[in-house]
Amino acid sequence: LEVEVKGILQVDGDITANSRDVSTSSSLHGASGGSGGSILITTGALTGGHTGHIQALGGAGDPSNGGSGSGGRIAIYHSNNITHAFYAGTFDVYGGDVGALAESGASGTVFLQNLESGNTTLRVDNKGRASTDHEIPNIGERLDLAPETMGRASSFTSRGGVSITSTA
């Protein structure tokens, strides 16, 4: 789904690209849910109240043993919110519900970028759903990858002393 608004986009309802759930009456025994879709929004300003929902949810699998689909992707590029408060609704990209004998789908991502300031935010939130394998634990530390100076280079060192090198 792609939405382009030259002026102000006010979201007080729903913008969704959600997967459908596998029905319990389906002949698809053990089927997994589908992945959430993609939403791309480009707007001058994004605003809206707490009733707004922008979602790309994964679908639920067969309740007995089907895994769920992963969340989708939301990308929002906005210019400013000088005269309007920023959007106060929710961004949801979590995987679908899962039966007891199956694995949860992973979280999707929400990417926000202010085109004037260049500030970006990446959100990853699976609403507490954990995969059974390959989980990356949160060790509670923040890694600051901001370089001392910005520029095009094959490597840089962050303020925290972490060196990043590109092989591309």
N, C-alpha and C. Protein backbone atom coordinates (compact mmCIF):
# COMPACT_ATOMS: atom_id res chain seq x y z
N LEU A 1 0.85 -1.16 0.00
CA LEU A 1 0.00 0.00 0.00
C LEU A 1 0.90 1.23 0.00
N GLU A 2 0.68 2.15 -0.91
CA GLU A 2 1.47 3.37 -0.96
C GLU A 2 0.52 4.57 -0.85
N VAL A 3 0.84 5.47 0.07
CA VAL A 3 0.04 6.68 0.29
C VAL A 3 0.96 7.88 0.17
N GLU A 4 0.60 8.82 -0.70
CA GLU A 4 1.38 10.05 -0.83
C GLU A 4 0.43 11.23 -0.64
N VAL A 5 0.75 12.07 0.35
CA VAL A 5 -0.07 13.24 0.67
C VAL A 5 0.86 14.44 0.69
N LYS A 6 0.56 15.42 -0.15
CA LYS A 6 1.42 16.61 -0.23
C LYS A 6 1.36 17.46 1.03
N GLY A 7 0.20 17.51 1.66
CA GLY A 7 0.03 18.35 2.85
C GLY A 7 0.08 17.55 4.13
N ILE A 8 -1.05 17.53 4.85
CA ILE A 8 -1.13 16.90 6.17
C ILE A 8 -1.95 15.62 6.09
N LEU A 9 -1.40 14.52 6.58
CA LEU A 9 -2.13 13.27 6.69
C LEU A 9 -2.54 13.09 8.14
N GLN A 10 -3.84 13.09 8.40
CA GLN A 10 -4.35 12.89 9.75
C GLN A 10 -4.98 11.51 9.82
N VAL A 11 -4.41 10.65 10.69
CA VAL A 11 -4.87 9.27 10.83
C VAL A 11 -5.56 9.13 12.19
N ASP A 12 -6.89 9.04 12.15
CA ASP A 12 -7.67 8.80 13.37
C ASP A 12 -8.39 7.46 13.29
N GLY A 13 -8.21 6.76 12.19
CA GLY A 13 -8.80 5.44 11.97
C GLY A 13 -7.71 4.43 11.68
N ASP A 14 -7.96 3.55 10.72
CA ASP A 14 -7.04 2.46 10.43
C ASP A 14 -6.44 2.56 9.03
N ILE A 15 -5.15 2.31 8.93
CA ILE A 15 -4.47 2.04 7.67
C ILE A 15 -3.83 0.68 7.87
N THR A 16 -4.28 -0.33 7.11
CA THR A 16 -3.81 -1.69 7.37
C THR A 16 -3.34 -2.40 6.11
N ALA A 17 -2.37 -3.27 6.31
CA ALA A 17 -1.90 -4.22 5.30
C ALA A 17 -1.66 -5.55 6.04
N ASN A 18 -2.72 -6.02 6.71
CA ASN A 18 -2.64 -7.20 7.56
C ASN A 18 -2.87 -8.48 6.77
N SER A 19 -2.21 -9.56 7.20
CA SER A 19 -2.46 -10.87 6.62
C SER A 19 -3.76 -11.42 7.21
N ARG A 20 -4.38 -12.30 6.48
CA ARG A 20 -5.55 -13.00 7.02
C ARG A 20 -5.09 -14.18 7.86
N ASP A 21 -5.92 -14.57 8.80
CA ASP A 21 -5.64 -15.73 9.65
C ASP A 21 -6.10 -17.00 8.95
N VAL A 22 -5.45 -18.12 9.28
CA VAL A 22 -5.92 -19.42 8.81
C VAL A 22 -7.16 -19.76 9.63
N SER A 23 -8.24 -20.07 8.99
CA SER A 23 -9.50 -20.36 9.65
C SER A 23 -9.46 -21.72 10.33
N THR A 24 -10.15 -21.84 11.48
CA THR A 24 -10.23 -23.13 12.17
C THR A 24 -11.05 -24.12 11.37
N SER A 25 -11.93 -23.64 10.50
CA SER A 25 -12.73 -24.54 9.67
C SER A 25 -12.03 -24.88 8.36
N SER A 26 -10.82 -24.43 8.19
CA SER A 26 -10.06 -24.64 6.96
C SER A 26 -9.58 -26.08 6.86
N SER A 27 -9.41 -26.54 5.64
CA SER A 27 -8.83 -27.87 5.41
C SER A 27 -7.31 -27.80 5.42
N LEU A 28 -6.77 -26.65 5.74
CA LEU A 28 -5.32 -26.45 5.73
C LEU A 28 -4.72 -26.80 7.08
N HIS A 29 -4.90 -28.01 7.53
CA HIS A 29 -4.41 -28.44 8.85
C HIS A 29 -2.91 -28.24 8.95
N GLY A 30 -2.47 -27.52 9.95
CA GLY A 30 -1.06 -27.27 10.18
C GLY A 30 -0.49 -26.11 9.38
N ALA A 31 -1.36 -25.40 8.65
CA ALA A 31 -0.87 -24.30 7.81
C ALA A 31 -0.44 -23.11 8.67
N SER A 32 0.54 -22.40 8.18
CA SER A 32 1.03 -21.20 8.86
C SER A 32 0.31 -19.97 8.34
N GLY A 33 0.30 -18.93 9.15
CA GLY A 33 -0.28 -17.66 8.73
C GLY A 33 0.63 -16.94 7.75
N GLY A 34 0.06 -16.01 7.01
CA GLY A 34 0.84 -15.23 6.05
C GLY A 34 1.53 -14.05 6.72
N SER A 35 2.53 -13.51 6.04
CA SER A 35 3.25 -12.33 6.55
C SER A 35 2.42 -11.08 6.35
N GLY A 36 2.65 -10.10 7.20
CA GLY A 36 2.02 -8.80 7.03
C GLY A 36 2.53 -8.14 5.76
N GLY A 37 1.78 -7.20 5.26
CA GLY A 37 2.15 -6.51 4.03
C GLY A 37 3.08 -5.33 4.26
N SER A 38 3.11 -4.43 3.29
CA SER A 38 3.98 -3.25 3.36
C SER A 38 3.16 -1.99 3.20
N ILE A 39 3.52 -0.97 3.97
CA ILE A 39 2.88 0.34 3.88
C ILE A 39 3.98 1.38 3.72
N LEU A 40 3.86 2.18 2.67
CA LEU A 40 4.79 3.28 2.43
C LEU A 40 3.98 4.57 2.42
N ILE A 41 4.32 5.48 3.33
CA ILE A 41 3.62 6.76 3.44
C ILE A 41 4.63 7.88 3.28
N THR A 42 4.35 8.80 2.37
CA THR A 42 5.14 10.02 2.21
C THR A 42 4.18 11.18 2.39
N THR A 43 4.49 12.07 3.32
CA THR A 43 3.55 13.16 3.62
C THR A 43 4.29 14.39 4.14
N GLY A 44 3.62 15.53 4.05
CA GLY A 44 4.20 16.74 4.61
C GLY A 44 4.26 16.66 6.12
N ALA A 45 3.15 16.28 6.74
CA ALA A 45 3.08 16.13 8.19
C ALA A 45 2.19 14.95 8.50
N LEU A 46 2.54 14.17 9.52
CA LEU A 46 1.74 13.05 9.97
C LEU A 46 1.19 13.39 11.33
N THR A 47 -0.12 13.38 11.44
CA THR A 47 -0.75 13.71 12.70
C THR A 47 -1.94 12.79 12.90
N GLY A 48 -2.52 12.83 14.07
CA GLY A 48 -3.68 12.00 14.39
C GLY A 48 -3.69 11.66 15.87
N GLY A 49 -4.87 11.30 16.34
CA GLY A 49 -5.05 11.02 17.76
C GLY A 49 -4.76 9.58 18.12
N HIS A 50 -5.03 9.27 19.39
CA HIS A 50 -4.74 7.95 19.94
C HIS A 50 -5.60 6.84 19.33
N THR A 51 -6.63 7.20 18.56
CA THR A 51 -7.48 6.19 17.93
C THR A 51 -6.91 5.70 16.60
N GLY A 52 -5.82 6.28 16.14
CA GLY A 52 -5.21 5.87 14.88
C GLY A 52 -4.43 4.58 15.00
N HIS A 53 -4.50 3.77 13.95
CA HIS A 53 -3.76 2.50 13.90
C HIS A 53 -3.17 2.34 12.51
N ILE A 54 -1.86 2.21 12.43
CA ILE A 54 -1.19 1.90 11.18
C ILE A 54 -0.56 0.53 11.41
N GLN A 55 -1.05 -0.48 10.65
CA GLN A 55 -0.71 -1.86 10.95
C GLN A 55 -0.29 -2.65 9.72
N ALA A 56 0.65 -3.57 9.92
CA ALA A 56 1.03 -4.60 8.95
C ALA A 56 1.28 -5.87 9.76
N LEU A 57 0.19 -6.51 10.19
CA LEU A 57 0.27 -7.65 11.11
C LEU A 57 0.39 -8.97 10.37
N GLY A 58 1.13 -9.91 10.97
CA GLY A 58 1.19 -11.26 10.46
C GLY A 58 -0.09 -12.00 10.81
N GLY A 59 -0.41 -13.02 10.04
CA GLY A 59 -1.62 -13.80 10.28
C GLY A 59 -1.38 -14.97 11.21
N ALA A 60 -2.45 -15.39 11.87
CA ALA A 60 -2.39 -16.55 12.76
C ALA A 60 -2.42 -17.82 11.93
N GLY A 61 -1.67 -18.83 12.39
CA GLY A 61 -1.67 -20.13 11.73
C GLY A 61 -2.78 -21.00 12.28
N ASP A 62 -2.82 -22.24 11.81
CA ASP A 62 -3.77 -23.22 12.31
C ASP A 62 -3.62 -23.31 13.83
N PRO A 63 -4.72 -23.15 14.59
CA PRO A 63 -4.62 -23.10 16.06
C PRO A 63 -3.98 -24.34 16.69
N SER A 64 -4.07 -25.50 16.04
CA SER A 64 -3.53 -26.70 16.67
C SER A 64 -2.01 -26.78 16.54
N ASN A 65 -1.45 -26.47 15.36
CA ASN A 65 0.00 -26.58 15.23
C ASN A 65 0.58 -25.76 14.08
N GLY A 66 -0.10 -24.73 13.63
CA GLY A 66 0.43 -23.89 12.56
C GLY A 66 1.16 -22.67 13.11
N GLY A 67 2.30 -22.38 12.56
CA GLY A 67 3.05 -21.19 12.97
C GLY A 67 2.38 -19.93 12.46
N SER A 68 2.77 -18.81 13.00
CA SER A 68 2.16 -17.55 12.57
C SER A 68 3.06 -16.85 11.56
N GLY A 69 2.46 -15.94 10.80
CA GLY A 69 3.22 -15.14 9.85
C GLY A 69 3.92 -13.99 10.55
N SER A 70 5.02 -13.56 10.00
CA SER A 70 5.77 -12.43 10.56
C SER A 70 5.05 -11.12 10.26
N GLY A 71 5.36 -10.12 11.06
CA GLY A 71 4.82 -8.79 10.80
C GLY A 71 5.39 -8.21 9.53
N GLY A 72 4.76 -7.19 9.00
CA GLY A 72 5.19 -6.58 7.75
C GLY A 72 6.09 -5.37 7.96
N ARG A 73 6.08 -4.50 7.00
CA ARG A 73 6.96 -3.32 7.01
C ARG A 73 6.13 -2.05 6.86
N ILE A 74 6.47 -1.06 7.65
CA ILE A 74 5.88 0.27 7.54
C ILE A 74 7.03 1.26 7.40
N ALA A 75 6.98 2.11 6.39
CA ALA A 75 7.98 3.16 6.21
C ALA A 75 7.23 4.48 6.04
N ILE A 76 7.59 5.46 6.85
CA ILE A 76 6.93 6.77 6.80
C ILE A 76 7.98 7.85 6.67
N TYR A 77 7.84 8.64 5.62
CA TYR A 77 8.71 9.77 5.35
C TYR A 77 7.85 11.02 5.46
N HIS A 78 8.19 11.89 6.42
CA HIS A 78 7.41 13.12 6.62
C HIS A 78 8.35 14.31 6.67
N SER A 79 7.79 15.47 6.34
CA SER A 79 8.63 16.67 6.28
C SER A 79 8.72 17.39 7.61
N ASN A 80 7.58 17.67 8.22
CA ASN A 80 7.62 18.38 9.50
C ASN A 80 6.31 18.25 10.24
N ASN A 81 6.32 18.69 11.47
CA ASN A 81 5.13 18.76 12.30
C ASN A 81 5.18 20.05 13.11
N ILE A 82 5.57 21.12 12.46
CA ILE A 82 5.72 22.39 13.16
C ILE A 82 4.40 22.91 13.68
N THR A 83 3.35 22.83 12.87
CA THR A 83 2.06 23.39 13.28
C THR A 83 1.08 22.35 13.80
N HIS A 84 1.45 21.07 13.74
CA HIS A 84 0.57 20.00 14.21
C HIS A 84 1.36 19.03 15.07
N ALA A 85 0.70 18.48 16.09
CA ALA A 85 1.35 17.48 16.93
C ALA A 85 1.59 16.22 16.12
N PHE A 86 2.71 15.51 16.40
CA PHE A 86 3.01 14.28 15.67
C PHE A 86 1.97 13.23 16.01
N TYR A 87 1.79 12.30 15.14
CA TYR A 87 0.85 11.19 15.26
C TYR A 87 0.93 10.52 16.63
N ALA A 88 -0.21 10.38 17.31
CA ALA A 88 -0.23 9.81 18.66
C ALA A 88 -0.83 8.40 18.68
N GLY A 89 -1.14 7.85 17.51
CA GLY A 89 -1.70 6.51 17.42
C GLY A 89 -0.64 5.44 17.51
N THR A 90 -1.01 4.22 17.09
CA THR A 90 -0.09 3.09 17.19
C THR A 90 0.48 2.69 15.83
N PHE A 91 1.66 2.11 15.88
CA PHE A 91 2.29 1.44 14.76
C PHE A 91 2.42 -0.01 15.20
N ASP A 92 1.77 -0.94 14.50
CA ASP A 92 1.83 -2.35 14.90
C ASP A 92 2.33 -3.21 13.75
N VAL A 93 3.36 -4.02 14.01
CA VAL A 93 3.96 -4.89 13.00
C VAL A 93 4.32 -6.25 13.59
N TYR A 94 3.54 -6.71 14.56
CA TYR A 94 3.89 -7.97 15.20
C TYR A 94 3.36 -9.18 14.43
N GLY A 95 3.96 -10.34 14.73
CA GLY A 95 3.54 -11.59 14.10
C GLY A 95 2.19 -12.03 14.65
N GLY A 96 1.56 -12.96 13.93
CA GLY A 96 0.23 -13.43 14.31
C GLY A 96 0.24 -14.35 15.52
N ASP A 97 -0.96 -14.67 15.99
CA ASP A 97 -1.11 -15.60 17.11
C ASP A 97 -0.68 -16.99 16.66
N VAL A 98 -0.23 -17.77 17.62
CA VAL A 98 0.33 -19.09 17.29
C VAL A 98 -0.20 -20.13 18.27
N GLY A 99 -0.36 -21.38 17.78
CA GLY A 99 -0.76 -22.48 18.64
C GLY A 99 0.38 -22.90 19.55
N ALA A 100 0.08 -23.78 20.48
CA ALA A 100 1.07 -24.18 21.49
C ALA A 100 2.24 -24.95 20.91
N LEU A 101 2.07 -25.62 19.78
CA LEU A 101 3.13 -26.49 19.25
C LEU A 101 3.86 -25.88 18.06
N ALA A 102 3.76 -24.58 17.88
CA ALA A 102 4.36 -23.95 16.71
C ALA A 102 5.15 -22.71 17.11
N GLU A 103 5.87 -22.18 16.13
CA GLU A 103 6.73 -21.02 16.38
C GLU A 103 6.04 -19.73 15.96
N SER A 104 6.26 -18.68 16.73
CA SER A 104 5.71 -17.36 16.42
C SER A 104 6.47 -16.73 15.26
N GLY A 105 5.73 -16.00 14.43
CA GLY A 105 6.38 -15.21 13.39
C GLY A 105 7.13 -14.04 14.02
N ALA A 106 8.16 -13.60 13.37
CA ALA A 106 8.99 -12.50 13.89
C ALA A 106 8.28 -11.16 13.73
N SER A 107 8.80 -10.18 14.41
CA SER A 107 8.30 -8.82 14.29
C SER A 107 8.65 -8.25 12.92
N GLY A 108 7.81 -7.36 12.46
CA GLY A 108 8.14 -6.56 11.30
C GLY A 108 8.90 -5.32 11.75
N THR A 109 8.95 -4.30 10.91
CA THR A 109 9.68 -3.08 11.26
C THR A 109 8.86 -1.85 10.92
N VAL A 110 9.08 -0.80 11.69
CA VAL A 110 8.52 0.53 11.41
C VAL A 110 9.71 1.47 11.27
N PHE A 111 9.80 2.13 10.12
CA PHE A 111 10.89 3.07 9.85
C PHE A 111 10.27 4.45 9.66
N LEU A 112 10.72 5.42 10.46
CA LEU A 112 10.24 6.80 10.38
C LEU A 112 11.41 7.71 10.03
N GLN A 113 11.18 8.61 9.08
CA GLN A 113 12.24 9.57 8.75
C GLN A 113 11.65 10.95 8.53
N ASN A 114 12.22 11.93 9.26
CA ASN A 114 11.89 13.33 9.04
C ASN A 114 12.79 13.81 7.91
N LEU A 115 12.20 14.16 6.79
CA LEU A 115 12.98 14.53 5.61
C LEU A 115 13.69 15.86 5.76
N GLU A 116 13.22 16.73 6.65
CA GLU A 116 13.88 18.02 6.86
C GLU A 116 15.08 17.90 7.79
N SER A 117 14.91 17.21 8.91
CA SER A 117 16.00 17.10 9.88
C SER A 117 16.91 15.91 9.60
N GLY A 118 16.39 14.93 8.88
CA GLY A 118 17.16 13.71 8.64
C GLY A 118 17.06 12.70 9.78
N ASN A 119 16.38 13.05 10.87
CA ASN A 119 16.24 12.14 12.00
C ASN A 119 15.46 10.90 11.58
N THR A 120 15.93 9.74 12.02
CA THR A 120 15.27 8.48 11.70
C THR A 120 15.03 7.67 12.96
N THR A 121 14.00 6.82 12.89
CA THR A 121 13.68 5.91 13.99
C THR A 121 13.34 4.56 13.37
N LEU A 122 13.87 3.50 13.95
CA LEU A 122 13.52 2.15 13.55
C LEU A 122 12.91 1.46 14.76
N ARG A 123 11.68 0.96 14.60
CA ARG A 123 10.99 0.27 15.69
C ARG A 123 10.80 -1.20 15.33
N VAL A 124 11.09 -2.07 16.29
CA VAL A 124 10.89 -3.51 16.14
C VAL A 124 10.20 -3.96 17.43
N ASP A 125 8.95 -4.44 17.35
CA ASP A 125 8.20 -4.81 18.54
C ASP A 125 7.27 -5.96 18.20
N ASN A 126 7.51 -7.12 18.80
CA ASN A 126 6.70 -8.30 18.53
C ASN A 126 5.70 -8.57 19.65
N LYS A 127 5.41 -7.59 20.47
CA LYS A 127 4.41 -7.68 21.55
C LYS A 127 4.66 -8.88 22.47
N GLY A 128 5.93 -9.14 22.76
CA GLY A 128 6.27 -10.20 23.71
C GLY A 128 6.28 -11.60 23.12
N ARG A 129 5.96 -11.74 21.85
CA ARG A 129 5.99 -13.07 21.24
C ARG A 129 7.45 -13.45 20.98
N ALA A 130 7.84 -14.62 21.44
CA ALA A 130 9.23 -15.07 21.28
C ALA A 130 9.27 -16.28 20.35
N SER A 131 10.32 -16.37 19.59
CA SER A 131 10.52 -17.54 18.75
C SER A 131 11.07 -18.66 19.62
N THR A 132 10.93 -19.88 19.15
CA THR A 132 11.43 -21.01 19.94
C THR A 132 12.94 -21.19 19.77
N ASP A 133 13.48 -20.74 18.64
CA ASP A 133 14.92 -20.86 18.38
C ASP A 133 15.44 -19.54 17.84
N HIS A 134 16.73 -19.40 17.81
CA HIS A 134 17.39 -18.27 17.18
C HIS A 134 17.01 -16.92 17.79
N GLU A 135 16.77 -16.91 19.06
CA GLU A 135 16.41 -15.66 19.72
C GLU A 135 17.67 -14.88 20.07
N ILE A 136 17.64 -13.60 19.79
CA ILE A 136 18.75 -12.72 20.16
C ILE A 136 18.34 -12.00 21.44
N PRO A 137 18.98 -12.30 22.55
CA PRO A 137 18.56 -11.69 23.81
C PRO A 137 18.93 -10.21 23.86
N ASN A 138 18.11 -9.44 24.53
CA ASN A 138 18.39 -8.04 24.77
C ASN A 138 19.26 -7.96 26.01
N ILE A 139 20.49 -7.51 25.85
CA ILE A 139 21.40 -7.48 26.99
C ILE A 139 21.33 -6.14 27.73
N GLY A 140 20.42 -5.28 27.30
CA GLY A 140 20.18 -4.05 28.03
C GLY A 140 21.17 -2.94 27.81
N GLU A 141 21.96 -3.00 26.76
CA GLU A 141 22.91 -1.94 26.48
C GLU A 141 22.55 -1.28 25.15
N ARG A 142 22.82 -0.01 25.06
CA ARG A 142 22.57 0.71 23.82
C ARG A 142 23.88 0.89 23.08
N LEU A 143 23.87 0.58 21.84
CA LEU A 143 25.06 0.71 21.01
C LEU A 143 24.90 1.97 20.16
N ASP A 144 25.72 2.96 20.41
CA ASP A 144 25.68 4.22 19.68
C ASP A 144 26.59 4.10 18.47
N LEU A 145 25.99 4.05 17.28
CA LEU A 145 26.77 3.92 16.06
C LEU A 145 26.97 5.24 15.34
N ALA A 146 26.63 6.35 15.99
CA ALA A 146 26.81 7.66 15.36
C ALA A 146 28.30 7.95 15.21
N PRO A 147 28.75 8.28 14.01
CA PRO A 147 30.17 8.60 13.83
C PRO A 147 30.47 10.00 14.33
N GLU A 148 31.73 10.24 14.57
CA GLU A 148 32.15 11.59 14.99
C GLU A 148 31.88 12.60 13.88
N THR A 149 32.15 12.21 12.65
CA THR A 149 31.86 13.07 11.50
C THR A 149 31.18 12.23 10.43
N MET A 150 30.27 12.85 9.72
CA MET A 150 29.55 12.13 8.67
C MET A 150 30.27 12.29 7.34
N GLY A 151 30.26 11.27 6.54
CA GLY A 151 30.86 11.34 5.22
C GLY A 151 30.83 9.97 4.58
N ARG A 152 31.19 9.91 3.33
CA ARG A 152 31.21 8.63 2.62
C ARG A 152 32.58 8.00 2.81
N ALA A 153 32.57 6.87 3.48
CA ALA A 153 33.82 6.16 3.72
C ALA A 153 33.51 4.68 3.83
N SER A 154 34.50 3.84 3.68
CA SER A 154 34.28 2.40 3.80
C SER A 154 34.29 1.96 5.26
N SER A 155 34.70 2.84 6.17
CA SER A 155 34.66 2.50 7.59
C SER A 155 34.59 3.77 8.43
N PHE A 156 34.11 3.59 9.65
CA PHE A 156 34.12 4.69 10.62
C PHE A 156 34.15 4.12 12.02
N THR A 157 34.50 4.95 12.97
CA THR A 157 34.50 4.57 14.37
C THR A 157 33.52 5.45 15.11
N SER A 158 32.63 4.83 15.88
CA SER A 158 31.62 5.57 16.60
C SER A 158 32.22 6.24 17.84
N ARG A 159 31.41 7.09 18.46
CA ARG A 159 31.84 7.76 19.69
C ARG A 159 32.17 6.75 20.78
N GLY A 160 31.47 5.60 20.74
CA GLY A 160 31.70 4.57 21.75
C GLY A 160 32.87 3.67 21.44
N GLY A 161 33.58 3.95 20.33
CA GLY A 161 34.76 3.16 19.99
C GLY A 161 34.49 1.94 19.13
N VAL A 162 33.25 1.77 18.65
CA VAL A 162 32.92 0.63 17.80
C VAL A 162 33.31 0.98 16.36
N SER A 163 34.08 0.09 15.73
CA SER A 163 34.50 0.29 14.34
C SER A 163 33.60 -0.51 13.41
N ILE A 164 33.12 0.15 12.37
CA ILE A 164 32.28 -0.47 11.36
C ILE A 164 33.01 -0.36 10.02
N THR A 165 33.13 -1.49 9.33
CA THR A 165 33.81 -1.49 8.03
C THR A 165 32.91 -2.15 7.00
N SER A 166 32.77 -1.50 5.85
CA SER A 166 31.96 -2.03 4.76
C SER A 166 32.88 -2.75 3.79
N THR A 167 32.44 -3.92 3.32
CA THR A 167 33.21 -4.66 2.34
C THR A 167 32.64 -4.47 0.94
N ALA A 168 31.57 -3.69 0.82
CA ALA A 168 30.93 -3.49 -0.49
C ALA A 168 31.66 -2.45 -1.30
